[in-house]
Amino acid sequence: MLERDGPMPLYYQIANILRSRIASGEWAPGDRLPSEAQLAASFQVSPVTMRQALGVLERQGRLDRRQGVGTFVRPGAVQEDRVRITIPLEMFAEPIAGFEVRTLSLDHALPPPDVRETLGLAPGEQCVHVRRVRSAAHGPVTYASSYMPRWIGDGLTLADLQHSLMTDILEKQGVRVSGAIQTIEASLANQDSAGVLGVPVGAAVLLVRRVYQLENGQVGLVAVNHHPGHEIRFELRLTRDSDAGRWDLHTQQNDT
């Protein structure tokens, strides 16, 4: 989890891991984190080191530390202040369509808070949760976790999930997808994704999140994909359109 002999200070490594866990929805705005002592024990570091890590996130505006009460995730801790690049979804989906797909689970589950809100589910309402792994000849390249309302997902079978793209699976069920919003960001592997991808906890991963909208305007699917950082290269190529006075964007995703 931590590189204890590496050049990056332990407290900063811990801050990065905690920030990633907040961004993934493990702790929602307003949630109280485990105590400083509990966190220090879980990372096997001193209370001083843990206090430094929490201080980093507090200065970044992600945590609110209240004397005698605890440490809480601040509202707005996950800011929408990153650079945005808009690309056609097919440019990212097509290169992974031919990989071998293995279904890890198909069941009902409580989604993370951010996914629940995106799907418009009530607190405590379960969704259909699908976990799959895509692999190339040399090993896993994608850990895919998909969430959908039960009215969409309850008809799915393990046989259906052998198809590569979830959108193709849904459209075979008569569910029409009209578009999606995709975000791509650097993240760190948690216990779950690390085990599936075969990388250490805290290893660099590429986190790709897609929110699919149906023809009726509802959100029908939230897909959260983790790619091991050493296996994926996402390349952008710009060409100059002098007549139009703009740059056109082309993308290519390769597994290395």
Protein backbone atom coordinates (compact mmCIF):
# COMPACT_ATOMS: atom_id res chain seq x y z
CA MET A 1 0.00 0.00 0.00
CA LEU A 2 2.72 2.47 1.01
CA GLU A 3 6.23 2.81 -0.40
CA ARG A 4 8.03 3.18 2.90
CA ASP A 5 11.43 3.53 1.27
CA GLY A 6 10.26 5.69 -1.63
CA PRO A 7 10.98 9.38 -2.21
CA MET A 8 7.40 10.53 -1.47
CA PRO A 9 6.71 11.17 2.25
CA LEU A 10 4.38 8.66 3.89
CA TYR A 11 1.90 11.32 4.97
CA TYR A 12 1.53 12.54 1.37
CA GLN A 13 1.02 9.00 0.08
CA ILE A 14 -1.71 8.51 2.69
CA ALA A 15 -3.33 11.82 1.73
CA ASN A 16 -3.45 10.67 -1.91
CA ILE A 17 -5.07 7.37 -0.94
CA LEU A 18 -7.67 9.05 1.27
CA ARG A 19 -8.41 11.61 -1.44
CA SER A 20 -9.00 8.79 -3.92
CA ARG A 21 -11.33 7.01 -1.50
CA ILE A 22 -13.35 10.19 -1.03
CA ALA A 23 -13.53 10.74 -4.80
CA SER A 24 -14.74 7.15 -5.33
CA GLY A 25 -17.70 7.72 -2.99
CA GLU A 26 -16.49 5.51 -0.15
CA TRP A 27 -17.10 8.51 2.11
CA ALA A 28 -19.80 10.94 1.04
CA PRO A 29 -19.95 14.65 1.96
CA GLY A 30 -20.86 14.92 5.62
CA ASP A 31 -19.56 11.44 6.50
CA ARG A 32 -17.26 11.09 9.48
CA LEU A 33 -13.98 9.34 8.84
CA PRO A 34 -12.61 6.72 11.25
CA SER A 35 -10.71 8.23 14.14
CA GLU A 36 -7.14 9.38 13.73
CA ALA A 37 -5.96 6.43 15.81
CA GLN A 38 -7.97 3.95 13.72
CA LEU A 39 -6.62 5.35 10.47
CA ALA A 40 -3.06 5.33 11.80
CA ALA A 41 -3.46 1.68 12.79
CA SER A 42 -4.91 0.74 9.38
CA PHE A 43 -1.94 2.32 7.57
CA GLN A 44 0.54 1.13 10.24
CA VAL A 45 1.95 4.62 10.76
CA SER A 46 2.35 6.90 13.78
CA PRO A 47 -0.41 9.30 14.89
CA VAL A 48 1.88 12.18 13.92
CA THR A 49 2.14 10.93 10.32
CA MET A 50 -1.63 10.44 10.11
CA ARG A 51 -2.22 13.93 11.51
CA GLN A 52 0.01 15.35 8.76
CA ALA A 53 -1.94 13.45 6.08
CA LEU A 54 -5.28 14.71 7.35
CA GLY A 55 -3.83 18.21 7.52
CA VAL A 56 -3.01 18.07 3.80
CA LEU A 57 -6.63 17.24 2.94
CA GLU A 58 -7.94 19.86 5.35
CA ARG A 59 -5.82 22.56 3.68
CA GLN A 60 -7.10 21.39 0.29
CA GLY A 61 -10.66 21.94 1.50
CA ARG A 62 -11.63 18.26 1.44
CA LEU A 63 -11.93 17.60 5.18
CA ASP A 64 -13.36 19.44 8.16
CA ARG A 65 -11.65 18.54 11.44
CA ARG A 66 -13.72 19.39 14.52
CA GLN A 67 -12.01 19.32 17.88
CA GLY A 68 -13.49 16.63 20.11
CA VAL A 69 -16.00 15.56 17.46
CA GLY A 70 -14.11 14.03 14.53
CA THR A 71 -13.04 14.50 10.93
CA PHE A 72 -15.73 14.93 8.27
CA VAL A 73 -15.81 15.05 4.48
CA ARG A 74 -16.65 18.61 3.47
CA PRO A 75 -19.51 19.31 1.05
CA GLY A 76 -18.04 19.99 -2.37
CA ALA A 77 -14.90 17.99 -1.56
CA VAL A 78 -14.96 16.51 -5.06
CA GLN A 79 -14.71 19.64 -7.14
CA GLU A 80 -15.65 19.95 -10.81
CA ASP A 81 -12.68 22.17 -11.50
CA ARG A 82 -10.67 19.92 -13.79
CA VAL A 83 -9.87 20.51 -17.44
CA ARG A 84 -12.58 18.96 -19.62
CA ILE A 85 -12.02 17.36 -23.02
CA THR A 86 -15.06 16.16 -24.96
CA ILE A 87 -14.60 13.14 -27.22
CA PRO A 88 -16.94 10.67 -28.92
CA LEU A 89 -17.60 7.69 -26.66
CA GLU A 90 -16.88 5.22 -29.47
CA MET A 91 -13.24 6.32 -29.59
CA PHE A 92 -12.71 4.82 -26.17
CA ALA A 93 -15.16 1.91 -26.32
CA GLU A 94 -14.17 0.35 -29.63
CA PRO A 95 -10.54 -0.64 -28.78
CA ILE A 96 -11.66 -2.71 -25.74
CA ALA A 97 -14.61 -4.42 -27.42
CA GLY A 98 -12.60 -7.49 -28.50
CA PHE A 99 -11.09 -8.45 -25.13
CA GLU A 100 -12.05 -11.60 -23.27
CA VAL A 101 -14.81 -10.88 -20.73
CA ARG A 102 -15.35 -12.75 -17.47
CA THR A 103 -18.27 -12.02 -15.13
CA LEU A 104 -17.32 -11.89 -11.46
CA SER A 105 -20.77 -11.25 -10.01
CA LEU A 106 -24.35 -10.31 -10.89
CA ASP A 107 -26.42 -9.39 -7.86
CA HIS A 108 -28.45 -6.78 -5.99
CA ALA A 109 -26.49 -4.25 -3.95
CA LEU A 110 -26.63 -0.82 -2.37
CA PRO A 111 -24.73 1.51 -4.73
CA PRO A 112 -22.19 4.09 -3.55
CA PRO A 113 -23.87 7.39 -2.56
CA ASP A 114 -22.80 9.25 -5.71
CA VAL A 115 -24.07 6.44 -7.96
CA ARG A 116 -27.36 6.28 -6.04
CA GLU A 117 -27.94 9.99 -6.62
CA THR A 118 -27.03 9.73 -10.30
CA LEU A 119 -29.47 6.85 -10.83
CA GLY A 120 -32.18 8.69 -8.91
CA LEU A 121 -32.65 5.89 -6.37
CA ALA A 122 -34.11 6.36 -2.90
CA PRO A 123 -31.88 5.92 0.17
CA GLY A 124 -31.65 2.22 0.95
CA GLU A 125 -32.90 1.21 -2.51
CA GLN A 126 -30.89 -1.55 -4.14
CA CYS A 127 -29.74 -1.68 -7.74
CA VAL A 128 -28.38 -4.39 -10.01
CA HIS A 129 -24.59 -4.52 -9.72
CA VAL A 130 -22.46 -6.27 -12.34
CA ARG A 131 -18.73 -6.85 -11.86
CA ARG A 132 -16.69 -7.99 -14.85
CA VAL A 133 -13.04 -8.15 -15.87
CA ARG A 134 -11.68 -7.74 -19.40
CA SER A 135 -8.38 -9.41 -20.16
CA ALA A 136 -5.81 -9.45 -22.93
CA ALA A 137 -3.39 -12.33 -23.46
CA HIS A 138 -1.04 -10.99 -20.78
CA GLY A 139 -3.64 -10.33 -18.07
CA PRO A 140 -6.47 -8.04 -16.88
CA VAL A 141 -6.79 -4.63 -18.53
CA THR A 142 -10.20 -3.51 -17.21
CA TYR A 143 -12.16 -4.03 -14.01
CA ALA A 144 -15.70 -2.96 -14.91
CA SER A 145 -18.32 -2.27 -12.26
CA SER A 146 -21.78 -1.42 -13.62
CA TYR A 147 -24.83 -0.18 -11.73
CA MET A 148 -28.40 0.03 -13.08
CA PRO A 149 -31.95 0.28 -11.69
CA ARG A 150 -33.63 -3.04 -11.03
CA TRP A 151 -36.30 -2.39 -13.66
CA ILE A 152 -33.49 -2.55 -16.23
CA GLY A 153 -31.11 -5.11 -14.75
CA ASP A 154 -33.37 -7.75 -13.20
CA GLY A 155 -33.77 -9.48 -16.56
CA LEU A 156 -30.06 -9.95 -17.16
CA THR A 157 -28.46 -13.39 -17.04
CA LEU A 158 -24.85 -14.53 -16.85
CA ALA A 159 -25.13 -15.63 -20.48
CA ASP A 160 -26.11 -12.08 -21.53
CA LEU A 161 -22.99 -10.70 -19.87
CA GLN A 162 -20.62 -12.62 -22.14
CA HIS A 163 -20.99 -9.79 -24.68
CA SER A 164 -18.26 -7.18 -24.30
CA LEU A 165 -20.04 -3.83 -24.19
CA MET A 166 -22.78 -3.21 -21.64
CA THR A 167 -24.60 -0.87 -24.02
CA ASP A 168 -24.92 -3.71 -26.54
CA ILE A 169 -26.26 -5.98 -23.81
CA LEU A 170 -28.91 -3.45 -22.76
CA GLU A 171 -30.02 -2.75 -26.31
CA LYS A 172 -30.54 -6.47 -26.87
CA GLN A 173 -32.92 -6.22 -23.89
CA GLY A 174 -34.80 -3.40 -25.62
CA VAL A 175 -33.27 -0.59 -23.54
CA ARG A 176 -32.28 2.25 -25.87
CA VAL A 177 -29.27 4.37 -24.91
CA SER A 178 -29.17 7.88 -26.37
CA GLY A 179 -25.82 9.12 -25.06
CA ALA A 180 -23.31 9.19 -22.24
CA ILE A 181 -21.05 11.47 -20.24
CA GLN A 182 -17.59 10.05 -19.71
CA THR A 183 -14.96 11.26 -17.24
CA ILE A 184 -11.38 10.03 -17.15
CA GLU A 185 -9.05 10.66 -14.25
CA ALA A 186 -6.02 9.31 -12.45
CA SER A 187 -6.79 7.33 -9.31
CA LEU A 188 -5.40 4.69 -6.96
CA ALA A 189 -6.36 1.02 -6.74
CA ASN A 190 -8.46 0.13 -3.69
CA GLN A 191 -8.67 -3.30 -2.09
CA ASP A 192 -11.36 -4.48 -4.50
CA SER A 193 -9.87 -3.26 -7.79
CA ALA A 194 -6.33 -4.20 -6.79
CA GLY A 195 -7.36 -7.81 -6.20
CA VAL A 196 -9.08 -8.08 -9.58
CA LEU A 197 -6.36 -6.33 -11.59
CA GLY A 198 -3.48 -8.03 -9.83
CA VAL A 199 -1.79 -4.80 -8.71
CA PRO A 200 -0.86 -3.53 -5.23
CA VAL A 201 -3.35 -1.49 -3.24
CA GLY A 202 -2.53 2.15 -3.94
CA ALA A 203 -1.13 1.44 -7.42
CA ALA A 204 -1.87 3.97 -10.15
CA VAL A 205 -5.01 3.25 -12.17
CA LEU A 206 -6.97 5.07 -14.84
CA LEU A 207 -10.54 5.58 -13.62
CA VAL A 208 -13.16 5.88 -16.37
CA ARG A 209 -16.72 6.69 -15.31
CA ARG A 210 -19.61 6.71 -17.77
CA VAL A 211 -23.17 7.85 -17.10
CA TYR A 212 -25.54 6.56 -19.78
CA GLN A 213 -28.77 8.36 -20.57
CA LEU A 214 -31.78 6.59 -22.07
CA GLU A 215 -34.05 7.90 -24.81
CA ASN A 216 -36.65 8.85 -22.17
CA GLY A 217 -34.12 11.12 -20.43
CA GLN A 218 -33.50 8.86 -17.43
CA VAL A 219 -30.06 7.65 -16.38
CA GLY A 220 -30.09 3.91 -16.97
CA LEU A 221 -26.52 2.87 -16.27
CA VAL A 222 -23.44 4.05 -14.39
CA ALA A 223 -20.24 2.23 -15.36
CA VAL A 224 -17.06 2.61 -13.30
CA ASN A 225 -14.00 1.09 -14.99
CA HIS A 226 -10.53 0.75 -13.52
CA HIS A 227 -7.55 0.24 -15.85
CA PRO A 228 -4.07 -0.57 -14.46
CA GLY A 229 -1.85 2.42 -15.15
CA HIS A 230 0.98 0.34 -16.61
CA GLU A 231 -1.34 -1.36 -19.13
CA ILE A 232 -3.11 1.61 -20.71
CA ARG A 233 -1.89 4.50 -22.81
CA PHE A 234 -4.48 7.09 -23.83
CA GLU A 235 -3.20 9.09 -26.77
CA LEU A 236 -4.58 12.37 -28.11
CA ARG A 237 -3.73 13.57 -31.59
CA LEU A 238 -4.60 17.08 -32.76
CA THR A 239 -4.89 18.12 -36.39
CA ARG A 240 -5.15 21.70 -37.52
CA ASP A 241 -8.17 22.68 -39.62
CA SER A 242 -6.92 26.00 -41.00
CA ASP A 243 -10.11 26.78 -42.90
CA ALA A 244 -12.30 26.37 -39.84
CA GLY A 245 -9.73 27.93 -37.51
CA ARG A 246 -9.84 25.08 -35.02
CA TRP A 247 -8.05 21.96 -33.84
CA ASP A 248 -9.74 18.58 -34.34
CA LEU A 249 -9.27 15.91 -31.69
CA HIS A 250 -8.55 12.24 -32.38
CA THR A 251 -7.95 9.61 -29.74
CA GLN A 252 -6.41 6.18 -29.51
CA GLN A 253 -6.34 3.88 -26.49
CA ASN A 254 -3.78 1.08 -26.44
CA ASP A 255 -3.13 -1.76 -24.00
CA THR A 256 0.62 -2.09 -23.64
